[in-house]
Each structure stands twice: as structure tokens, then as C-alpha cells.
């Protein structure tokens, strides 16, 4: 990998559905280059990948016929770092509890429950403390959000809300049940991108809103 790629990692944003432009803006804010991923060839040359929220069953149905779903599984098996939010969390899980069968990418030793916090009308916002990011808490926007019911031994729990796991990390793979791209808080995106640079130091935001690494 070139020095330029390490300095400004090239991150793909799965552009099948969801808050694509919002993730692109967040990634740009933390120093990454972005490209949209719609077809298998779009995965070439990426340093990392973001899978946005949306409808996980729709994502699987759209990405399957093009071969993108199989290509994603291959790239993740090869070690491509990935950050999944909401439906992206579901797609990266190895198992779904009580939600019926659907096509998944898999790769994280977690079991999730779809729409666990309720349907669209039950969407809400709440402060979520993510210890690896320090203070203050993140403002979590939960929209038809899942939660993680079980994690395997390699998975680190990053945050919980109301007694349920809502963020986790397994090596270079990060997932969360809420939508950090819909707020101005870039700490989770920065944590992901710092990992692509070979850093991965905890990221904290002080009370004035300034981002600092390793605080």
C-alpha cells in the first residue's frame, strides 16, 4: 500500500440504498477518499467499506443478482475492513434471531434481532456512551433499529443501550445499530478510518466539540 493510500484511505460506500451521501460526507470530514460501490468491480482497490442503513432484506435482494453479495463475502473473507450501520449491522451478522431467513454477507460472530427497538413509528434518539470514544456520549439516532443479542469470543462490545448491545468491533470490523452519519459526531467514522491508516487509537471529543485522537 502506498503512503498516499495510508494517509487518505479509499473507502467504498455501498450505494444500493440508505444514507450514502451522509456517509460520504462523514468519511470526507475524517480524511478519507470515497467511492460508490454498486457492482463487484467497484470493490477493486478499496482500503475499507461502509455498509449504510436502509432495509436489509432489500439490500440482499438487490445485491444478489449482480453478484455483488458474493463479491462482498469474498472481499471480507480476504480481510477488507468494514463499518456497518443499522441494516449494515444486520448484513454483517452471522445469524439473525427470530427474523426469518434472508441473504447476509456475514463475517462477524454476532447474532442480531431485526427491528428490535420497534418499527418506524418507534424510532427515537438517545445518548449512547461509547467508552472507547471517551466523553461526551454520542447522540444515537435509532430508526427501525436492530440490537445484538449475542457476541462471540472475538467480538468486543463497544456500547449498549437499555440493556442491549448496540455497537461492537471484531478486529477491523465495526458495527452499530444507530446512525452516526446523521449527526455531526464523526468519532465512529474517525475510529474506522484511523484503523485503515494503521492507527485505531481511541478518539475523543472534548466539550467544545473538537476532535482529538488518543485522548
C-alpha atoms as a PDB file:
ATOM      1  CA  UNK A   1       0.000   0.000   0.000  1.00  0.00           C
ATOM      2  CA  UNK A   2       1.306   3.449  -0.915  1.00  0.00           C
ATOM      3  CA  UNK A   3       1.933   6.211   1.595  1.00  0.00           C
ATOM      4  CA  UNK A   4      -0.845   8.249  -0.029  1.00  0.00           C
ATOM      5  CA  UNK A   5      -3.326   5.415   0.459  1.00  0.00           C
ATOM      6  CA  UNK A   6      -2.389   5.174   4.125  1.00  0.00           C
ATOM      7  CA  UNK A   7      -2.764   8.927   4.586  1.00  0.00           C
ATOM      8  CA  UNK A   8      -6.071   9.154   2.733  1.00  0.00           C
ATOM      9  CA  UNK A   9      -7.641   5.682   2.655  1.00  0.00           C
ATOM     10  CA  UNK A  10     -10.009   4.898  -0.193  1.00  0.00           C
ATOM     11  CA  UNK A  11     -13.317   3.835   1.335  1.00  0.00           C
ATOM     12  CA  UNK A  12     -16.202   2.428  -0.634  1.00  0.00           C
ATOM     13  CA  UNK A  13     -19.780   3.198   0.385  1.00  0.00           C
ATOM     14  CA  UNK A  14     -22.269   0.532  -0.636  1.00  0.00           C
ATOM     15  CA  UNK A  15     -24.666   2.577  -2.767  1.00  0.00           C
ATOM     16  CA  UNK A  16     -27.586   0.197  -3.106  1.00  0.00           C
ATOM     17  CA  UNK A  17     -29.757   2.211  -0.698  1.00  0.00           C
ATOM     18  CA  UNK A  18     -29.583   4.172   2.531  1.00  0.00           C
ATOM     19  CA  UNK A  19     -27.757   7.323   3.656  1.00  0.00           C
ATOM     20  CA  UNK A  20     -24.956   7.100   1.094  1.00  0.00           C
ATOM     21  CA  UNK A  21     -24.179  10.815   0.736  1.00  0.00           C
ATOM     22  CA  UNK A  22     -24.259  11.300   4.517  1.00  0.00           C
ATOM     23  CA  UNK A  23     -21.632   8.597   4.997  1.00  0.00           C
ATOM     24  CA  UNK A  24     -19.551  10.098   2.194  1.00  0.00           C
ATOM     25  CA  UNK A  25     -19.618  13.476   3.948  1.00  0.00           C
ATOM     26  CA  UNK A  26     -18.642  11.932   7.290  1.00  0.00           C
ATOM     27  CA  UNK A  27     -15.765   9.997   5.731  1.00  0.00           C
ATOM     28  CA  UNK A  28     -14.512  13.078   3.899  1.00  0.00           C
ATOM     29  CA  UNK A  29     -14.586  15.001   7.180  1.00  0.00           C
ATOM     30  CA  UNK A  30     -12.161  12.499   8.714  1.00  0.00           C
ATOM     31  CA  UNK A  31      -9.788  12.463   5.754  1.00  0.00           C
ATOM     32  CA  UNK A  32     -10.883   9.517   3.617  1.00  0.00           C
ATOM     33  CA  UNK A  33     -11.487   9.388  -0.133  1.00  0.00           C
ATOM     34  CA  UNK A  34     -14.797   7.789  -1.080  1.00  0.00           C
ATOM     35  CA  UNK A  35     -16.216   5.867  -3.997  1.00  0.00           C
ATOM     36  CA  UNK A  36     -19.656   4.364  -4.503  1.00  0.00           C
ATOM     37  CA  UNK A  37     -19.995   0.594  -4.716  1.00  0.00           C
ATOM     38  CA  UNK A  38     -22.793  -0.779  -6.890  1.00  0.00           C
ATOM     39  CA  UNK A  39     -21.101  -3.609  -8.811  1.00  0.00           C
ATOM     40  CA  UNK A  40     -18.459  -6.229  -7.939  1.00  0.00           C
ATOM     41  CA  UNK A  41     -15.706  -4.383  -9.846  1.00  0.00           C
ATOM     42  CA  UNK A  42     -16.281  -1.309  -7.673  1.00  0.00           C
ATOM     43  CA  UNK A  43     -14.654  -3.201  -4.791  1.00  0.00           C
ATOM     44  CA  UNK A  44     -11.257  -3.176  -6.506  1.00  0.00           C
ATOM     45  CA  UNK A  45      -8.595  -1.091  -4.804  1.00  0.00           C
ATOM     46  CA  UNK A  46     -10.564  -0.276  -1.665  1.00  0.00           C
ATOM     47  CA  UNK A  47      -8.929   0.102   1.742  1.00  0.00           C
ATOM     48  CA  UNK A  48     -12.273  -0.188   3.545  1.00  0.00           C
ATOM     49  CA  UNK A  49     -16.018  -0.348   3.057  1.00  0.00           C
ATOM     50  CA  UNK A  50     -19.085   1.229   4.690  1.00  0.00           C
ATOM     51  CA  UNK A  51     -22.471  -0.508   4.560  1.00  0.00           C
ATOM     52  CA  UNK A  52     -25.215   2.057   5.322  1.00  0.00           C
ATOM     53  CA  UNK A  53     -28.596   1.546   6.877  1.00  0.00           C
ATOM     54  CA  UNK A  54     -31.818   1.014   4.957  1.00  0.00           C
ATOM     55  CA  UNK A  55     -33.744  -2.219   4.560  1.00  0.00           C
ATOM     56  CA  UNK A  56     -31.519  -5.262   4.943  1.00  0.00           C
ATOM     57  CA  UNK A  57     -33.796  -7.630   3.016  1.00  0.00           C
ATOM     58  CA  UNK A  58     -33.961  -5.190   0.093  1.00  0.00           C
ATOM     59  CA  UNK A  59     -30.192  -4.805   0.141  1.00  0.00           C
ATOM     60  CA  UNK A  60     -29.785  -8.554  -0.149  1.00  0.00           C
ATOM     61  CA  UNK A  61     -32.332  -8.826  -2.967  1.00  0.00           C
ATOM     62  CA  UNK A  62     -30.737  -6.016  -4.995  1.00  0.00           C
ATOM     63  CA  UNK A  63     -27.101  -7.010  -4.434  1.00  0.00           C
ATOM     64  CA  UNK A  64     -27.628 -10.722  -5.018  1.00  0.00           C
ATOM     65  CA  UNK A  65     -28.435 -10.909  -8.771  1.00  0.00           C
ATOM     66  CA  UNK A  66     -25.494  -8.657  -9.745  1.00  0.00           C
ATOM     67  CA  UNK A  67     -23.006 -10.889  -7.970  1.00  0.00           C
ATOM     68  CA  UNK A  68     -22.208  -8.062  -5.546  1.00  0.00           C
ATOM     69  CA  UNK A  69     -23.270 -10.053  -2.483  1.00  0.00           C
ATOM     70  CA  UNK A  70     -20.868 -12.902  -3.301  1.00  0.00           C
ATOM     71  CA  UNK A  71     -18.115 -10.403  -4.117  1.00  0.00           C
ATOM     72  CA  UNK A  72     -18.620  -8.702  -0.755  1.00  0.00           C
ATOM     73  CA  UNK A  73     -18.326 -12.032   1.047  1.00  0.00           C
ATOM     74  CA  UNK A  74     -15.074 -12.795  -0.796  1.00  0.00           C
ATOM     75  CA  UNK A  75     -13.535  -9.408  -0.048  1.00  0.00           C
ATOM     76  CA  UNK A  76     -14.467  -9.603   3.626  1.00  0.00           C
ATOM     77  CA  UNK A  77     -13.062 -13.127   3.795  1.00  0.00           C
ATOM     78  CA  UNK A  78      -9.853 -11.641   2.395  1.00  0.00           C
ATOM     79  CA  UNK A  79      -9.776  -9.146   5.270  1.00  0.00           C
ATOM     80  CA  UNK A  80     -11.346  -5.958   3.864  1.00  0.00           C
ATOM     81  CA  UNK A  81     -12.190  -3.703   6.855  1.00  0.00           C
ATOM     82  CA  UNK A  82     -15.868  -2.767   7.064  1.00  0.00           C
ATOM     83  CA  UNK A  83     -18.138  -0.440   9.044  1.00  0.00           C
ATOM     84  CA  UNK A  84     -21.860  -1.291   9.078  1.00  0.00           C
ATOM     85  CA  UNK A  85     -24.655   0.875  10.480  1.00  0.00           C
ATOM     86  CA  UNK A  86     -28.198  -0.307  11.256  1.00  0.00           C
ATOM     87  CA  UNK A  87     -29.066  -2.544   8.260  1.00  0.00           C
ATOM     88  CA  UNK A  88     -25.315  -2.792   7.653  1.00  0.00           C
ATOM     89  CA  UNK A  89     -25.007  -4.344  11.115  1.00  0.00           C
ATOM     90  CA  UNK A  90     -27.641  -6.906  10.188  1.00  0.00           C
ATOM     91  CA  UNK A  91     -25.942  -7.755   6.890  1.00  0.00           C
ATOM     92  CA  UNK A  92     -22.613  -8.392   8.623  1.00  0.00           C
ATOM     93  CA  UNK A  93     -24.052 -10.706  11.279  1.00  0.00           C
ATOM     94  CA  UNK A  94     -23.586 -14.448  11.040  1.00  0.00           C
ATOM     95  CA  UNK A  95     -27.054 -15.093  12.489  1.00  0.00           C
ATOM     96  CA  UNK A  96     -30.490 -13.468  12.776  1.00  0.00           C
ATOM     97  CA  UNK A  97     -32.697 -14.322  15.732  1.00  0.00           C
ATOM     98  CA  UNK A  98     -36.445 -14.649  15.156  1.00  0.00           C
ATOM     99  CA  UNK A  99     -36.463 -12.703  11.893  1.00  0.00           C
ATOM    100  CA  UNK A 100     -36.801 -15.341   9.212  1.00  0.00           C
ATOM    101  CA  UNK A 101     -34.310 -16.211   6.501  1.00  0.00           C
ATOM    102  CA  UNK A 102     -32.570 -13.550   4.432  1.00  0.00           C
ATOM    103  CA  UNK A 103     -29.351 -13.238   2.464  1.00  0.00           C
ATOM    104  CA  UNK A 104     -26.485 -11.984   4.616  1.00  0.00           C
ATOM    105  CA  UNK A 105     -22.882 -11.061   3.978  1.00  0.00           C
ATOM    106  CA  UNK A 106     -21.840 -12.409   7.373  1.00  0.00           C
ATOM    107  CA  UNK A 107     -18.349 -12.348   8.782  1.00  0.00           C
ATOM    108  CA  UNK A 108     -18.983 -11.197  12.355  1.00  0.00           C
ATOM    109  CA  UNK A 109     -19.637 -13.709  15.100  1.00  0.00           C
ATOM    110  CA  UNK A 110     -22.786 -11.981  16.315  1.00  0.00           C
ATOM    111  CA  UNK A 111     -26.499 -12.751  16.408  1.00  0.00           C
ATOM    112  CA  UNK A 112     -28.881  -9.849  15.803  1.00  0.00           C
ATOM    113  CA  UNK A 113     -32.590  -9.171  16.068  1.00  0.00           C
ATOM    114  CA  UNK A 114     -34.138  -7.046  13.313  1.00  0.00           C
ATOM    115  CA  UNK A 115     -36.424  -4.118  14.249  1.00  0.00           C
ATOM    116  CA  UNK A 116     -35.696  -4.951  17.870  1.00  0.00           C
ATOM    117  CA  UNK A 117     -36.390  -1.436  19.165  1.00  0.00           C
ATOM    118  CA  UNK A 118     -39.656  -1.218  17.209  1.00  0.00           C
ATOM    119  CA  UNK A 119     -40.939  -0.231  13.790  1.00  0.00           C
ATOM    120  CA  UNK A 120     -40.642   3.187  12.109  1.00  0.00           C
ATOM    121  CA  UNK A 121     -43.113   4.859  14.485  1.00  0.00           C
ATOM    122  CA  UNK A 122     -40.962   3.760  17.429  1.00  0.00           C
ATOM    123  CA  UNK A 123     -37.814   5.468  16.126  1.00  0.00           C
ATOM    124  CA  UNK A 124     -36.051   7.581  18.746  1.00  0.00           C
ATOM    125  CA  UNK A 125     -32.890   9.419  19.763  1.00  0.00           C
ATOM    126  CA  UNK A 126     -30.820   8.736  22.872  1.00  0.00           C
ATOM    127  CA  UNK A 127     -27.373   9.395  24.294  1.00  0.00           C
ATOM    128  CA  UNK A 128     -25.092   6.384  23.856  1.00  0.00           C
ATOM    129  CA  UNK A 129     -21.882   6.134  25.852  1.00  0.00           C
ATOM    130  CA  UNK A 130     -19.111   4.516  23.811  1.00  0.00           C
ATOM    131  CA  UNK A 131     -16.182   4.126  26.253  1.00  0.00           C
ATOM    132  CA  UNK A 132     -13.530   3.713  23.541  1.00  0.00           C
ATOM    133  CA  UNK A 133     -14.501   7.166  22.245  1.00  0.00           C
ATOM    134  CA  UNK A 134     -14.488   8.890  25.617  1.00  0.00           C
ATOM    135  CA  UNK A 135     -16.858  11.705  26.578  1.00  0.00           C
ATOM    136  CA  UNK A 136     -19.310  13.109  25.762  1.00  0.00           C
ATOM    137  CA  UNK A 137     -21.777  10.363  24.778  1.00  0.00           C
ATOM    138  CA  UNK A 138     -22.779  10.031  21.139  1.00  0.00           C
ATOM    139  CA  UNK A 139     -26.274  11.030  20.117  1.00  0.00           C
ATOM    140  CA  UNK A 140     -27.733   7.825  18.744  1.00  0.00           C
ATOM    141  CA  UNK A 141     -30.478   8.028  16.117  1.00  0.00           C
ATOM    142  CA  UNK A 142     -32.326   4.702  16.138  1.00  0.00           C
ATOM    143  CA  UNK A 143     -34.571   4.073  13.109  1.00  0.00           C
ATOM    144  CA  UNK A 144     -36.210   0.632  12.994  1.00  0.00           C
ATOM    145  CA  UNK A 145     -33.032  -0.345  14.775  1.00  0.00           C
ATOM    146  CA  UNK A 146     -31.735  -3.835  15.469  1.00  0.00           C
ATOM    147  CA  UNK A 147     -29.777  -4.869  18.505  1.00  0.00           C
ATOM    148  CA  UNK A 148     -27.112  -7.509  19.032  1.00  0.00           C
ATOM    149  CA  UNK A 149     -28.336 -10.440  21.090  1.00  0.00           C
ATOM    150  CA  UNK A 150     -25.119 -12.438  21.293  1.00  0.00           C
ATOM    151  CA  UNK A 151     -21.430 -11.923  20.542  1.00  0.00           C
ATOM    152  CA  UNK A 152     -18.699 -14.479  20.025  1.00  0.00           C
ATOM    153  CA  UNK A 153     -15.395 -14.561  21.948  1.00  0.00           C
ATOM    154  CA  UNK A 154     -13.525 -12.425  19.406  1.00  0.00           C
ATOM    155  CA  UNK A 155     -16.088  -9.606  19.453  1.00  0.00           C
ATOM    156  CA  UNK A 156     -15.609  -6.515  21.630  1.00  0.00           C
ATOM    157  CA  UNK A 157     -18.775  -4.792  22.856  1.00  0.00           C
ATOM    158  CA  UNK A 158     -18.411  -1.055  22.267  1.00  0.00           C
ATOM    159  CA  UNK A 159     -21.745   0.229  23.565  1.00  0.00           C
ATOM    160  CA  UNK A 160     -25.119  -0.773  24.933  1.00  0.00           C
ATOM    161  CA  UNK A 161     -28.451   0.969  25.364  1.00  0.00           C
ATOM    162  CA  UNK A 162     -31.337  -0.065  27.614  1.00  0.00           C
ATOM    163  CA  UNK A 163     -29.526  -3.314  28.376  1.00  0.00           C
ATOM    164  CA  UNK A 164     -28.934  -4.273  24.742  1.00  0.00           C
ATOM    165  CA  UNK A 165     -25.705  -4.241  22.725  1.00  0.00           C
ATOM    166  CA  UNK A 166     -25.814  -1.530  20.034  1.00  0.00           C
ATOM    167  CA  UNK A 167     -22.179  -1.322  18.878  1.00  0.00           C
ATOM    168  CA  UNK A 168     -19.389  -3.860  18.564  1.00  0.00           C
ATOM    169  CA  UNK A 169     -15.998  -4.441  16.975  1.00  0.00           C
ATOM    170  CA  UNK A 170     -14.208  -7.533  15.730  1.00  0.00           C
ATOM    171  CA  UNK A 171     -10.736  -6.579  14.588  1.00  0.00           C
ATOM    172  CA  UNK A 172     -11.171  -4.262  11.594  1.00  0.00           C
ATOM    173  CA  UNK A 173     -14.953  -4.699  11.515  1.00  0.00           C
ATOM    174  CA  UNK A 174     -17.176  -2.214  13.347  1.00  0.00           C
ATOM    175  CA  UNK A 175     -20.976  -2.225  13.560  1.00  0.00           C
ATOM    176  CA  UNK A 176     -23.564  -0.067  15.268  1.00  0.00           C
ATOM    177  CA  UNK A 177     -27.366  -0.150  15.465  1.00  0.00           C
ATOM    178  CA  UNK A 178     -27.824   3.611  15.177  1.00  0.00           C
ATOM    179  CA  UNK A 179     -26.987   6.220  12.525  1.00  0.00           C
ATOM    180  CA  UNK A 180     -23.852   8.266  13.349  1.00  0.00           C
ATOM    181  CA  UNK A 181     -23.802   9.637   9.793  1.00  0.00           C
ATOM    182  CA  UNK A 182     -26.996  11.617  10.548  1.00  0.00           C
ATOM    183  CA  UNK A 183     -25.291  13.664  13.280  1.00  0.00           C
ATOM    184  CA  UNK A 184     -22.246  15.897  13.310  1.00  0.00           C
ATOM    185  CA  UNK A 185     -20.338  13.493  15.556  1.00  0.00           C
ATOM    186  CA  UNK A 186     -17.643  11.861  13.434  1.00  0.00           C
ATOM    187  CA  UNK A 187     -15.897   9.817  16.116  1.00  0.00           C
ATOM    188  CA  UNK A 188     -17.007   6.356  14.954  1.00  0.00           C
ATOM    189  CA  UNK A 189     -16.104   7.182  11.360  1.00  0.00           C
ATOM    190  CA  UNK A 190     -12.756   8.509  12.549  1.00  0.00           C
ATOM    191  CA  UNK A 191     -12.133   5.364  14.603  1.00  0.00           C
ATOM    192  CA  UNK A 192     -12.766   3.266  11.492  1.00  0.00           C
ATOM    193  CA  UNK A 193     -10.563   5.392   9.223  1.00  0.00           C
ATOM    194  CA  UNK A 194      -7.732   5.563  11.767  1.00  0.00           C
ATOM    195  CA  UNK A 195      -7.764   1.763  11.747  1.00  0.00           C
ATOM    196  CA  UNK A 196      -7.287   1.810   7.964  1.00  0.00           C
ATOM    197  CA  UNK A 197      -4.252   4.036   8.436  1.00  0.00           C
ATOM    198  CA  UNK A 198      -2.826   1.514  10.878  1.00  0.00           C
ATOM    199  CA  UNK A 199      -3.740   3.576  13.912  1.00  0.00           C
ATOM    200  CA  UNK A 200      -7.028   2.771  15.564  1.00  0.00           C
ATOM    201  CA  UNK A 201      -6.288   4.917  18.611  1.00  0.00           C
ATOM    202  CA  UNK A 202      -9.304   5.825  20.724  1.00  0.00           C
ATOM    203  CA  UNK A 203     -10.927   9.062  19.595  1.00  0.00           C
ATOM    204  CA  UNK A 204     -12.478  11.531  21.993  1.00  0.00           C
ATOM    205  CA  UNK A 205     -14.350  14.784  21.582  1.00  0.00           C
ATOM    206  CA  UNK A 206     -13.970  17.459  24.205  1.00  0.00           C
ATOM    207  CA  UNK A 207     -16.791  19.608  25.496  1.00  0.00           C
ATOM    208  CA  UNK A 208     -16.051  22.257  22.813  1.00  0.00           C
ATOM    209  CA  UNK A 209     -16.631  19.700  20.062  1.00  0.00           C
ATOM    210  CA  UNK A 210     -13.007  19.483  18.928  1.00  0.00           C
ATOM    211  CA  UNK A 211     -11.907  16.041  17.766  1.00  0.00           C
ATOM    212  CA  UNK A 212      -8.650  14.678  19.131  1.00  0.00           C
ATOM    213  CA  UNK A 213      -7.001  11.289  18.698  1.00  0.00           C
ATOM    214  CA  UNK A 214      -5.634   9.262  21.579  1.00  0.00           C
ATOM    215  CA  UNK A 215      -7.356  11.296  24.289  1.00  0.00           C
END
